[in-house]
Amino acid sequence: MARQRKKSDLPTKVCPVCDRPFTWRKKWSQCWDEVKYCSDRCRRRKQSNN
């Protein structure tokens, strides 16, 4: 059985809309390089500001 990582050991990014850090999630495992926003709400806010 694989050892689990601590949450503090996971990669993080900063959301360009709210400037808050967010950590890697398993559902982003295949597309982590393309993830820019921490949530759908931030993604919508960024699109409406353009």
Protein backbone atom coordinates (compact mmCIF):
# COMPACT_ATOMS: atom_id res chain seq x y z
CA MET A 1 0.00 0.00 0.00
CA ALA A 2 1.34 3.44 -0.94
CA ARG A 3 2.11 5.99 1.73
CA GLN A 4 -0.13 9.01 1.79
CA ARG A 5 1.35 12.47 1.47
CA LYS A 6 0.76 15.17 4.02
CA LYS A 7 -1.33 18.07 2.76
CA SER A 8 1.59 20.40 3.39
CA ASP A 9 3.70 18.34 0.96
CA LEU A 10 1.30 18.78 -1.96
CA PRO A 11 2.06 21.33 -4.68
CA THR A 12 0.36 24.70 -4.46
CA LYS A 13 -0.52 27.59 -6.77
CA VAL A 14 -1.91 31.08 -6.24
CA CYS A 15 -5.22 32.02 -7.79
CA PRO A 16 -4.84 35.13 -10.01
CA VAL A 17 -8.36 36.35 -9.13
CA CYS A 18 -8.49 36.09 -5.34
CA ASP A 19 -4.70 35.83 -4.68
CA ARG A 20 -5.21 32.90 -2.33
CA PRO A 21 -3.10 29.75 -2.41
CA PHE A 22 -4.75 26.46 -3.32
CA THR A 23 -3.37 22.95 -3.24
CA TRP A 24 -3.33 20.06 -5.65
CA ARG A 25 -6.45 17.87 -5.78
CA LYS A 26 -6.71 14.34 -7.04
CA LYS A 27 -9.25 15.34 -9.70
CA TRP A 28 -6.58 17.72 -11.11
CA SER A 29 -3.94 14.98 -11.33
CA GLN A 30 -4.11 14.78 -15.15
CA CYS A 31 -4.36 18.54 -15.80
CA TRP A 32 -2.50 20.26 -12.93
CA ASP A 33 -0.39 22.31 -15.39
CA GLU A 34 -3.52 23.84 -16.93
CA VAL A 35 -5.28 24.65 -13.64
CA LYS A 36 -5.24 28.41 -13.05
CA TYR A 37 -8.15 29.18 -10.74
CA CYS A 38 -9.00 27.84 -7.31
CA SER A 39 -12.74 27.52 -7.99
CA ASP A 40 -15.50 27.87 -10.56
CA ARG A 41 -16.46 31.15 -8.93
CA CYS A 42 -13.02 32.64 -9.56
CA ARG A 43 -13.02 31.34 -13.12
CA ARG A 44 -16.38 33.05 -13.76
CA ARG A 45 -15.23 36.30 -12.17
CA LYS A 46 -12.13 36.39 -14.34
CA GLN A 47 -14.13 35.80 -17.53
CA SER A 48 -16.63 38.53 -16.70
CA ASN A 49 -13.85 41.08 -16.04
CA ASN A 50 -12.34 40.70 -19.53
